[in-house]
Amino acid sequence: MATVLSVSGSPSATSRTARLLRHLDARLTAQGHEVVPLDVRTLPADALLGADFGHPAIVEATALFDRADGVVIGTPVYKAAYSGLLKSLLDLLPQYALAGKTVLPLATGGTTAHVLAIDYALRPVLSSMGAAHIVQGWFTLDKDLTVAGDGALTVAPSAAEGLAQVVDRFSDALGTRTALLAATG
């Protein structure tokens, strides 16, 4: 099927956002997609903050975006917007790094007051980067994500159902796009 780049914009090593993405990666993999995870926090801070476009880690991250058919972008919401860490990576990517790609924006946060961060902060940036199709995003409350002692994530049933629906729509959109590209050569 399609190659999906799953990007976590969380700066935390114990991030619920990153755990949620890895949880959803398993669903996409089960649907036949190849999923490549990218935790932005693992990229060198000096390269991100110094805008070092030529740094090998930034060059490789850019290549991951280039090879992907679809991109899942997950971020915690800080100050009613996506994370600064994610912003620093997006700023280093080519202007049209998402051209021709299907994108699923996801966000996590502590209050429903931040639910519009996807549509008012993240979606315009993804659109300006040329995304062919930005599917409906999903905001998950922190309280709906429980991490067990072994690191396993449990998603509250009310959130799990909505997440499954948006991931399945993303997967369907990827399948349709991949079929169209194959048909047109």
N, C-alpha and C. Protein backbone atom coordinates (compact mmCIF):
# COMPACT_ATOMS: atom_id res chain seq x y z
N MET A 1 0.85 -1.19 0.00
CA MET A 1 0.00 0.00 0.00
C MET A 1 0.89 1.25 0.00
N ALA A 2 0.64 2.15 0.93
CA ALA A 2 1.33 3.43 0.96
C ALA A 2 2.39 3.47 2.06
N THR A 3 3.32 4.39 1.89
CA THR A 3 4.32 4.66 2.93
C THR A 3 3.83 5.88 3.72
N VAL A 4 3.76 5.72 5.04
CA VAL A 4 3.26 6.77 5.93
C VAL A 4 4.38 7.21 6.86
N LEU A 5 4.65 8.51 6.90
CA LEU A 5 5.57 9.07 7.86
C LEU A 5 4.74 9.55 9.05
N SER A 6 5.04 9.04 10.24
CA SER A 6 4.30 9.36 11.45
C SER A 6 5.18 10.24 12.34
N VAL A 7 4.87 11.53 12.38
CA VAL A 7 5.72 12.54 12.99
C VAL A 7 5.17 12.99 14.34
N SER A 8 5.97 12.82 15.39
CA SER A 8 5.61 13.33 16.71
C SER A 8 6.37 14.63 16.96
N GLY A 9 5.61 15.69 17.21
CA GLY A 9 6.20 16.99 17.50
C GLY A 9 6.32 17.27 18.98
N SER A 10 6.27 16.23 19.80
CA SER A 10 6.38 16.45 21.25
C SER A 10 7.83 16.48 21.70
N PRO A 11 8.19 17.43 22.57
CA PRO A 11 9.56 17.48 23.09
C PRO A 11 9.81 16.50 24.24
N SER A 12 8.78 15.83 24.73
CA SER A 12 8.90 14.98 25.91
C SER A 12 9.23 13.53 25.55
N ALA A 13 10.16 12.96 26.28
CA ALA A 13 10.52 11.55 26.09
C ALA A 13 9.41 10.61 26.57
N THR A 14 8.55 11.10 27.45
CA THR A 14 7.45 10.28 27.96
C THR A 14 6.10 10.78 27.43
N SER A 15 6.13 11.29 26.24
CA SER A 15 4.99 11.95 25.63
C SER A 15 3.80 11.03 25.37
N ARG A 16 2.64 11.48 25.79
CA ARG A 16 1.40 10.77 25.43
C ARG A 16 1.12 10.93 23.94
N THR A 17 1.51 12.08 23.39
CA THR A 17 1.31 12.31 21.95
C THR A 17 2.08 11.28 21.14
N ALA A 18 3.35 11.08 21.46
CA ALA A 18 4.16 10.10 20.72
C ALA A 18 3.61 8.69 20.92
N ARG A 19 3.19 8.36 22.13
CA ARG A 19 2.62 7.04 22.39
C ARG A 19 1.33 6.84 21.59
N LEU A 20 0.53 7.90 21.49
CA LEU A 20 -0.70 7.81 20.71
C LEU A 20 -0.37 7.55 19.23
N LEU A 21 0.62 8.26 18.72
CA LEU A 21 1.01 8.03 17.33
C LEU A 21 1.48 6.60 17.10
N ARG A 22 2.31 6.09 18.00
CA ARG A 22 2.79 4.71 17.82
C ARG A 22 1.62 3.72 17.91
N HIS A 23 0.64 4.04 18.75
CA HIS A 23 -0.57 3.21 18.86
C HIS A 23 -1.33 3.21 17.52
N LEU A 24 -1.46 4.39 16.92
CA LEU A 24 -2.16 4.50 15.65
C LEU A 24 -1.33 3.93 14.50
N ASP A 25 -0.01 3.99 14.63
CA ASP A 25 0.87 3.38 13.62
C ASP A 25 0.54 1.90 13.46
N ALA A 26 0.27 1.24 14.58
CA ALA A 26 -0.05 -0.19 14.55
C ALA A 26 -1.32 -0.44 13.74
N ARG A 27 -2.29 0.44 13.84
CA ARG A 27 -3.54 0.30 13.08
C ARG A 27 -3.25 0.46 11.58
N LEU A 28 -2.44 1.45 11.25
CA LEU A 28 -2.10 1.68 9.84
C LEU A 28 -1.29 0.52 9.27
N THR A 29 -0.38 -0.02 10.06
CA THR A 29 0.42 -1.17 9.64
C THR A 29 -0.49 -2.37 9.39
N ALA A 30 -1.45 -2.59 10.28
CA ALA A 30 -2.40 -3.69 10.13
C ALA A 30 -3.24 -3.53 8.86
N GLN A 31 -3.39 -2.30 8.39
CA GLN A 31 -4.15 -2.04 7.17
C GLN A 31 -3.27 -2.16 5.92
N GLY A 32 -2.02 -2.54 6.12
CA GLY A 32 -1.13 -2.80 4.99
C GLY A 32 -0.17 -1.68 4.63
N HIS A 33 -0.15 -0.61 5.39
CA HIS A 33 0.75 0.51 5.09
C HIS A 33 2.11 0.28 5.74
N GLU A 34 3.14 0.80 5.11
CA GLU A 34 4.46 0.83 5.74
C GLU A 34 4.53 2.14 6.52
N VAL A 35 4.78 2.05 7.82
CA VAL A 35 4.80 3.24 8.67
C VAL A 35 6.22 3.48 9.16
N VAL A 36 6.68 4.72 8.98
CA VAL A 36 8.01 5.14 9.42
C VAL A 36 7.82 6.19 10.51
N PRO A 37 8.22 5.88 11.75
CA PRO A 37 8.05 6.87 12.82
C PRO A 37 9.19 7.89 12.84
N LEU A 38 8.86 9.13 13.16
CA LEU A 38 9.86 10.18 13.32
C LEU A 38 9.48 10.99 14.55
N ASP A 39 10.32 10.92 15.58
CA ASP A 39 10.14 11.74 16.78
C ASP A 39 11.07 12.94 16.62
N VAL A 40 10.50 14.11 16.41
CA VAL A 40 11.30 15.31 16.14
C VAL A 40 12.28 15.57 17.27
N ARG A 41 11.91 15.19 18.50
CA ARG A 41 12.79 15.44 19.65
C ARG A 41 14.12 14.71 19.53
N THR A 42 14.21 13.70 18.67
CA THR A 42 15.47 12.96 18.50
C THR A 42 16.41 13.65 17.52
N LEU A 43 15.94 14.66 16.83
CA LEU A 43 16.81 15.41 15.92
C LEU A 43 17.67 16.37 16.73
N PRO A 44 18.89 16.66 16.27
CA PRO A 44 19.78 17.53 17.04
C PRO A 44 19.21 18.94 17.21
N ALA A 45 19.16 19.38 18.47
CA ALA A 45 18.62 20.70 18.78
C ALA A 45 19.41 21.80 18.07
N ASP A 46 20.73 21.65 17.99
CA ASP A 46 21.52 22.70 17.34
C ASP A 46 21.17 22.82 15.86
N ALA A 47 20.85 21.71 15.21
CA ALA A 47 20.46 21.76 13.80
C ALA A 47 19.08 22.40 13.64
N LEU A 48 18.14 22.05 14.54
CA LEU A 48 16.80 22.62 14.46
C LEU A 48 16.80 24.11 14.77
N LEU A 49 17.44 24.49 15.87
CA LEU A 49 17.41 25.88 16.30
C LEU A 49 18.35 26.78 15.50
N GLY A 50 19.40 26.17 14.94
CA GLY A 50 20.35 26.93 14.12
C GLY A 50 20.00 26.94 12.65
N ALA A 51 18.85 26.36 12.30
CA ALA A 51 18.38 26.29 10.91
C ALA A 51 19.47 25.74 9.99
N ASP A 52 20.04 24.60 10.41
CA ASP A 52 21.12 23.96 9.65
C ASP A 52 20.51 23.00 8.63
N PHE A 53 20.12 23.55 7.49
CA PHE A 53 19.46 22.77 6.44
C PHE A 53 20.33 21.62 5.96
N GLY A 54 21.66 21.78 6.04
CA GLY A 54 22.58 20.76 5.53
C GLY A 54 22.97 19.70 6.54
N HIS A 55 22.51 19.82 7.78
CA HIS A 55 22.86 18.82 8.79
C HIS A 55 22.34 17.46 8.33
N PRO A 56 23.16 16.41 8.46
CA PRO A 56 22.74 15.08 7.99
C PRO A 56 21.38 14.62 8.55
N ALA A 57 21.08 14.93 9.80
CA ALA A 57 19.80 14.51 10.38
C ALA A 57 18.63 15.27 9.74
N ILE A 58 18.84 16.52 9.41
CA ILE A 58 17.79 17.32 8.76
C ILE A 58 17.62 16.86 7.32
N VAL A 59 18.72 16.57 6.65
CA VAL A 59 18.66 16.06 5.28
C VAL A 59 17.90 14.74 5.26
N GLU A 60 18.16 13.86 6.23
CA GLU A 60 17.46 12.57 6.30
C GLU A 60 15.97 12.76 6.62
N ALA A 61 15.66 13.67 7.53
CA ALA A 61 14.25 13.94 7.84
C ALA A 61 13.53 14.46 6.60
N THR A 62 14.17 15.34 5.86
CA THR A 62 13.59 15.87 4.63
C THR A 62 13.36 14.74 3.63
N ALA A 63 14.29 13.81 3.54
CA ALA A 63 14.15 12.66 2.63
C ALA A 63 12.98 11.76 3.06
N LEU A 64 12.75 11.63 4.36
CA LEU A 64 11.61 10.84 4.85
C LEU A 64 10.30 11.46 4.38
N PHE A 65 10.20 12.77 4.46
CA PHE A 65 9.00 13.45 3.99
C PHE A 65 8.84 13.24 2.48
N ASP A 66 9.94 13.33 1.77
CA ASP A 66 9.91 13.18 0.32
C ASP A 66 9.41 11.80 -0.11
N ARG A 67 9.85 10.76 0.60
CA ARG A 67 9.49 9.38 0.25
C ARG A 67 8.07 8.99 0.66
N ALA A 68 7.49 9.73 1.59
CA ALA A 68 6.18 9.35 2.13
C ALA A 68 5.05 9.67 1.15
N ASP A 69 4.06 8.78 1.14
CA ASP A 69 2.82 9.05 0.40
C ASP A 69 1.85 9.84 1.27
N GLY A 70 1.92 9.57 2.57
CA GLY A 70 1.06 10.24 3.53
C GLY A 70 1.84 10.57 4.78
N VAL A 71 1.36 11.57 5.50
CA VAL A 71 2.03 12.01 6.73
C VAL A 71 1.00 12.18 7.84
N VAL A 72 1.27 11.56 8.98
CA VAL A 72 0.49 11.79 10.19
C VAL A 72 1.33 12.73 11.04
N ILE A 73 0.77 13.85 11.43
CA ILE A 73 1.51 14.81 12.26
C ILE A 73 0.77 14.95 13.57
N GLY A 74 1.46 14.61 14.66
CA GLY A 74 0.88 14.71 15.99
C GLY A 74 1.65 15.71 16.83
N THR A 75 0.92 16.50 17.58
CA THR A 75 1.55 17.50 18.42
C THR A 75 0.76 17.72 19.70
N PRO A 76 1.45 17.97 20.79
CA PRO A 76 0.73 18.49 21.96
C PRO A 76 0.41 19.96 21.67
N VAL A 77 -0.63 20.45 22.31
CA VAL A 77 -1.00 21.86 22.13
C VAL A 77 -0.40 22.66 23.28
N TYR A 78 0.38 23.68 22.91
CA TYR A 78 0.96 24.61 23.87
C TYR A 78 0.54 26.01 23.45
N LYS A 79 0.03 26.80 24.38
CA LYS A 79 -0.36 28.18 24.10
C LYS A 79 -1.28 28.26 22.88
N ALA A 80 -2.21 27.34 22.78
CA ALA A 80 -3.23 27.29 21.72
C ALA A 80 -2.67 27.05 20.32
N ALA A 81 -1.49 26.45 20.24
CA ALA A 81 -0.90 26.15 18.94
C ALA A 81 -0.08 24.86 19.02
N TYR A 82 0.42 24.44 17.88
CA TYR A 82 1.27 23.26 17.86
C TYR A 82 2.63 23.57 18.48
N SER A 83 3.39 22.54 18.78
CA SER A 83 4.64 22.72 19.53
C SER A 83 5.70 23.49 18.72
N GLY A 84 6.50 24.23 19.44
CA GLY A 84 7.63 24.94 18.83
C GLY A 84 8.62 23.98 18.20
N LEU A 85 8.76 22.81 18.79
CA LEU A 85 9.66 21.79 18.24
C LEU A 85 9.20 21.39 16.84
N LEU A 86 7.90 21.14 16.69
CA LEU A 86 7.36 20.80 15.38
C LEU A 86 7.57 21.96 14.42
N LYS A 87 7.31 23.17 14.87
CA LYS A 87 7.50 24.36 14.04
C LYS A 87 8.92 24.47 13.54
N SER A 88 9.89 24.17 14.41
CA SER A 88 11.29 24.28 13.99
C SER A 88 11.61 23.30 12.86
N LEU A 89 11.03 22.10 12.89
CA LEU A 89 11.25 21.16 11.80
C LEU A 89 10.54 21.61 10.54
N LEU A 90 9.27 21.98 10.65
CA LEU A 90 8.52 22.41 9.47
C LEU A 90 9.19 23.59 8.78
N ASP A 91 9.80 24.47 9.56
CA ASP A 91 10.51 25.62 8.99
C ASP A 91 11.73 25.21 8.16
N LEU A 92 12.30 24.06 8.45
CA LEU A 92 13.50 23.60 7.74
C LEU A 92 13.18 22.77 6.50
N LEU A 93 11.94 22.37 6.36
CA LEU A 93 11.55 21.58 5.19
C LEU A 93 11.36 22.49 3.99
N PRO A 94 11.50 21.93 2.78
CA PRO A 94 11.22 22.75 1.59
C PRO A 94 9.79 23.29 1.62
N GLN A 95 9.58 24.41 0.97
CA GLN A 95 8.26 25.07 0.98
C GLN A 95 7.13 24.12 0.63
N TYR A 96 7.33 23.25 -0.34
CA TYR A 96 6.27 22.34 -0.76
C TYR A 96 6.59 20.90 -0.41
N ALA A 97 7.08 20.69 0.79
CA ALA A 97 7.46 19.35 1.26
C ALA A 97 6.27 18.40 1.34
N LEU A 98 5.07 18.93 1.42
CA LEU A 98 3.88 18.08 1.52
C LEU A 98 3.11 18.00 0.20
N ALA A 99 3.68 18.52 -0.88
CA ALA A 99 3.01 18.51 -2.18
C ALA A 99 2.66 17.08 -2.58
N GLY A 100 1.39 16.90 -2.93
CA GLY A 100 0.92 15.61 -3.39
C GLY A 100 0.68 14.59 -2.29
N LYS A 101 0.81 14.99 -1.04
CA LYS A 101 0.67 14.05 0.07
C LYS A 101 -0.68 14.20 0.77
N THR A 102 -1.13 13.10 1.34
CA THR A 102 -2.31 13.09 2.18
C THR A 102 -1.82 13.26 3.62
N VAL A 103 -2.44 14.14 4.38
CA VAL A 103 -1.95 14.47 5.72
C VAL A 103 -3.09 14.32 6.74
N LEU A 104 -2.75 13.71 7.87
CA LEU A 104 -3.67 13.59 9.00
C LEU A 104 -3.08 14.36 10.18
N PRO A 105 -3.69 15.50 10.57
CA PRO A 105 -3.23 16.24 11.74
C PRO A 105 -3.91 15.75 13.02
N LEU A 106 -3.11 15.54 14.05
CA LEU A 106 -3.60 15.10 15.35
C LEU A 106 -3.02 16.00 16.43
N ALA A 107 -3.77 16.21 17.49
CA ALA A 107 -3.27 17.01 18.60
C ALA A 107 -3.78 16.44 19.92
N THR A 108 -3.00 16.67 20.96
CA THR A 108 -3.39 16.29 22.32
C THR A 108 -3.30 17.53 23.19
N GLY A 109 -4.12 17.57 24.24
CA GLY A 109 -4.07 18.71 25.14
C GLY A 109 -4.91 18.48 26.36
N GLY A 110 -4.76 19.37 27.30
CA GLY A 110 -5.41 19.22 28.59
C GLY A 110 -6.83 19.72 28.67
N THR A 111 -7.29 20.49 27.68
CA THR A 111 -8.63 21.06 27.75
C THR A 111 -9.22 21.20 26.35
N THR A 112 -10.52 21.08 26.27
CA THR A 112 -11.20 21.23 24.98
C THR A 112 -11.10 22.66 24.45
N ALA A 113 -10.64 23.59 25.26
CA ALA A 113 -10.45 24.96 24.80
C ALA A 113 -9.41 25.01 23.67
N HIS A 114 -8.59 23.96 23.55
CA HIS A 114 -7.55 23.92 22.52
C HIS A 114 -7.92 23.11 21.29
N VAL A 115 -9.16 22.66 21.21
CA VAL A 115 -9.55 21.76 20.12
C VAL A 115 -9.40 22.41 18.75
N LEU A 116 -9.53 23.70 18.65
CA LEU A 116 -9.42 24.37 17.35
C LEU A 116 -7.98 24.63 16.91
N ALA A 117 -7.02 24.26 17.73
CA ALA A 117 -5.61 24.45 17.36
C ALA A 117 -5.27 23.73 16.05
N ILE A 118 -5.91 22.60 15.81
CA ILE A 118 -5.65 21.87 14.57
C ILE A 118 -6.08 22.72 13.38
N ASP A 119 -7.28 23.26 13.42
CA ASP A 119 -7.80 23.99 12.26
C ASP A 119 -7.27 25.41 12.12
N TYR A 120 -6.95 26.06 13.23
CA TYR A 120 -6.52 27.45 13.15
C TYR A 120 -5.02 27.66 13.23
N ALA A 121 -4.28 26.69 13.72
CA ALA A 121 -2.83 26.83 13.81
C ALA A 121 -2.11 25.87 12.87
N LEU A 122 -2.45 24.58 12.93
CA LEU A 122 -1.70 23.58 12.17
C LEU A 122 -2.14 23.45 10.72
N ARG A 123 -3.43 23.37 10.47
CA ARG A 123 -3.93 23.15 9.10
C ARG A 123 -3.43 24.21 8.10
N PRO A 124 -3.42 25.51 8.44
CA PRO A 124 -2.93 26.49 7.46
C PRO A 124 -1.47 26.26 7.07
N VAL A 125 -0.64 25.85 8.02
CA VAL A 125 0.76 25.59 7.71
C VAL A 125 0.88 24.38 6.78
N LEU A 126 0.13 23.31 7.09
CA LEU A 126 0.17 22.12 6.26
C LEU A 126 -0.32 22.44 4.85
N SER A 127 -1.34 23.25 4.76
CA SER A 127 -1.86 23.65 3.46
C SER A 127 -0.83 24.47 2.68
N SER A 128 -0.17 25.39 3.36
CA SER A 128 0.83 26.23 2.69
C SER A 128 2.02 25.43 2.21
N MET A 129 2.21 24.24 2.78
CA MET A 129 3.31 23.37 2.37
C MET A 129 2.88 22.43 1.23
N GLY A 130 1.69 22.66 0.69
CA GLY A 130 1.27 21.97 -0.52
C GLY A 130 0.55 20.65 -0.34
N ALA A 131 0.11 20.33 0.87
CA ALA A 131 -0.58 19.05 1.07
C ALA A 131 -1.72 18.91 0.07
N ALA A 132 -1.77 17.75 -0.59
CA ALA A 132 -2.81 17.50 -1.59
C ALA A 132 -4.17 17.33 -0.93
N HIS A 133 -4.17 16.68 0.23
CA HIS A 133 -5.43 16.41 0.93
C HIS A 133 -5.14 16.36 2.42
N ILE A 134 -5.74 17.25 3.16
CA ILE A 134 -5.63 17.22 4.62
C ILE A 134 -6.95 16.67 5.13
N VAL A 135 -6.91 15.44 5.63
CA VAL A 135 -8.14 14.81 6.11
C VAL A 135 -8.54 15.43 7.45
N GLN A 136 -9.76 15.16 7.87
CA GLN A 136 -10.23 15.67 9.15
C GLN A 136 -9.28 15.26 10.25
N GLY A 137 -8.85 16.21 11.06
CA GLY A 137 -7.95 15.92 12.17
C GLY A 137 -8.72 15.47 13.40
N TRP A 138 -7.96 15.22 14.46
CA TRP A 138 -8.58 14.77 15.71
C TRP A 138 -7.80 15.32 16.89
N PHE A 139 -8.53 15.82 17.88
CA PHE A 139 -7.96 16.31 19.13
C PHE A 139 -8.32 15.32 20.24
N THR A 140 -7.32 14.89 20.99
CA THR A 140 -7.54 13.95 22.08
C THR A 140 -7.15 14.61 23.40
N LEU A 141 -8.04 14.55 24.36
CA LEU A 141 -7.73 15.07 25.68
C LEU A 141 -6.71 14.19 26.39
N ASP A 142 -5.80 14.81 27.10
CA ASP A 142 -4.80 14.07 27.87
C ASP A 142 -5.44 13.04 28.80
N LYS A 143 -6.58 13.41 29.39
CA LYS A 143 -7.24 12.51 30.35
C LYS A 143 -7.74 11.23 29.68
N ASP A 144 -7.86 11.24 28.36
CA ASP A 144 -8.32 10.06 27.64
C ASP A 144 -7.18 9.12 27.24
N LEU A 145 -5.96 9.48 27.63
CA LEU A 145 -4.78 8.67 27.32
C LEU A 145 -4.12 8.24 28.63
N THR A 146 -4.11 6.95 28.88
CA THR A 146 -3.53 6.43 30.11
C THR A 146 -2.33 5.56 29.76
N VAL A 147 -1.21 5.86 30.41
CA VAL A 147 0.01 5.09 30.17
C VAL A 147 0.24 4.18 31.38
N ALA A 148 0.35 2.88 31.11
CA ALA A 148 0.60 1.89 32.16
C ALA A 148 2.08 1.92 32.54
N GLY A 149 2.40 1.25 33.61
CA GLY A 149 3.78 1.18 34.09
C GLY A 149 4.75 0.63 33.06
N ASP A 150 4.27 -0.27 32.20
CA ASP A 150 5.13 -0.85 31.17
C ASP A 150 5.19 0.01 29.91
N GLY A 151 4.53 1.18 29.93
CA GLY A 151 4.54 2.08 28.79
C GLY A 151 3.41 1.88 27.81
N ALA A 152 2.59 0.85 28.03
CA ALA A 152 1.47 0.59 27.13
C ALA A 152 0.43 1.70 27.25
N LEU A 153 -0.15 2.06 26.13
CA LEU A 153 -1.15 3.13 26.10
C LEU A 153 -2.55 2.56 26.02
N THR A 154 -3.43 3.12 26.83
CA THR A 154 -4.85 2.80 26.75
C THR A 154 -5.57 4.09 26.40
N VAL A 155 -6.42 4.01 25.36
CA VAL A 155 -7.20 5.17 24.93
C VAL A 155 -8.63 4.96 25.40
N ALA A 156 -9.19 5.97 26.05
CA ALA A 156 -10.58 5.88 26.52
C ALA A 156 -11.49 5.55 25.34
N PRO A 157 -12.50 4.71 25.58
CA PRO A 157 -13.38 4.28 24.48
C PRO A 157 -13.99 5.44 23.68
N SER A 158 -14.38 6.52 24.34
CA SER A 158 -14.98 7.65 23.62
C SER A 158 -13.99 8.27 22.63
N ALA A 159 -12.74 8.35 22.99
CA ALA A 159 -11.71 8.89 22.09
C ALA A 159 -11.26 7.85 21.08
N ALA A 160 -11.20 6.59 21.48
CA ALA A 160 -10.72 5.53 20.60
C ALA A 160 -11.58 5.40 19.36
N GLU A 161 -12.88 5.53 19.53
CA GLU A 161 -13.79 5.39 18.38
C GLU A 161 -13.55 6.49 17.35
N GLY A 162 -13.45 7.73 17.81
CA GLY A 162 -13.20 8.84 16.90
C GLY A 162 -11.85 8.74 16.22
N LEU A 163 -10.83 8.36 16.99
CA LEU A 163 -9.50 8.18 16.42
C LEU A 163 -9.50 7.10 15.34
N ALA A 164 -10.16 5.99 15.61
CA ALA A 164 -10.23 4.91 14.63
C ALA A 164 -10.88 5.40 13.34
N GLN A 165 -11.92 6.20 13.47
CA GLN A 165 -12.61 6.72 12.27
C GLN A 165 -11.71 7.62 11.45
N VAL A 166 -10.98 8.55 12.09
CA VAL A 166 -10.13 9.46 11.30
C VAL A 166 -8.95 8.72 10.70
N VAL A 167 -8.40 7.75 11.42
CA VAL A 167 -7.29 6.96 10.88
C VAL A 167 -7.77 6.13 9.69
N ASP A 168 -8.96 5.56 9.80
CA ASP A 168 -9.50 4.77 8.69
C ASP A 168 -9.79 5.65 7.47
N ARG A 169 -10.28 6.86 7.69
CA ARG A 169 -10.51 7.79 6.57
C ARG A 169 -9.18 8.18 5.92
N PHE A 170 -8.17 8.40 6.73
CA PHE A 170 -6.83 8.70 6.22
C PHE A 170 -6.33 7.52 5.39
N SER A 171 -6.46 6.32 5.90
CA SER A 171 -6.03 5.12 5.20
C SER A 171 -6.78 4.96 3.88
N ASP A 172 -8.08 5.20 3.89
CA ASP A 172 -8.88 5.12 2.66
C ASP A 172 -8.41 6.16 1.65
N ALA A 173 -8.15 7.37 2.11
CA ALA A 173 -7.68 8.43 1.21
C ALA A 173 -6.33 8.06 0.61
N LEU A 174 -5.46 7.47 1.42
CA LEU A 174 -4.16 7.02 0.90
C LEU A 174 -4.35 5.93 -0.15
N GLY A 175 -5.24 4.99 0.12
CA GLY A 175 -5.49 3.90 -0.83
C GLY A 175 -6.02 4.42 -2.14
N THR A 176 -6.93 5.37 -2.08
CA THR A 176 -7.51 5.96 -3.28
C THR A 176 -6.43 6.69 -4.08
N ARG A 177 -5.61 7.46 -3.39
CA ARG A 177 -4.54 8.22 -4.05
C ARG A 177 -3.53 7.28 -4.68
N THR A 178 -3.14 6.23 -3.95
CA THR A 178 -2.16 5.28 -4.47
C THR A 178 -2.70 4.57 -5.71
N ALA A 179 -3.98 4.21 -5.69
CA ALA A 179 -4.61 3.55 -6.85
C ALA A 179 -4.65 4.49 -8.05
N LEU A 180 -4.97 5.77 -7.82
CA LEU A 180 -5.01 6.73 -8.91
C LEU A 180 -3.63 6.94 -9.52
N LEU A 181 -2.62 7.03 -8.67
CA LEU A 181 -1.25 7.21 -9.18
C LEU A 181 -0.81 5.99 -9.98
N ALA A 182 -1.16 4.80 -9.51
CA ALA A 182 -0.79 3.57 -10.22
C ALA A 182 -1.50 3.51 -11.57
N ALA A 183 -2.75 3.95 -11.62
CA ALA A 183 -3.52 3.91 -12.87
C ALA A 183 -3.01 4.91 -13.91
N THR A 184 -2.48 6.05 -13.43
CA THR A 184 -2.00 7.06 -14.36
C THR A 184 -0.52 6.91 -14.68
N GLY A 185 0.14 5.99 -13.98
CA GLY A 185 1.54 5.69 -14.27
C GLY A 185 2.45 6.68 -13.69
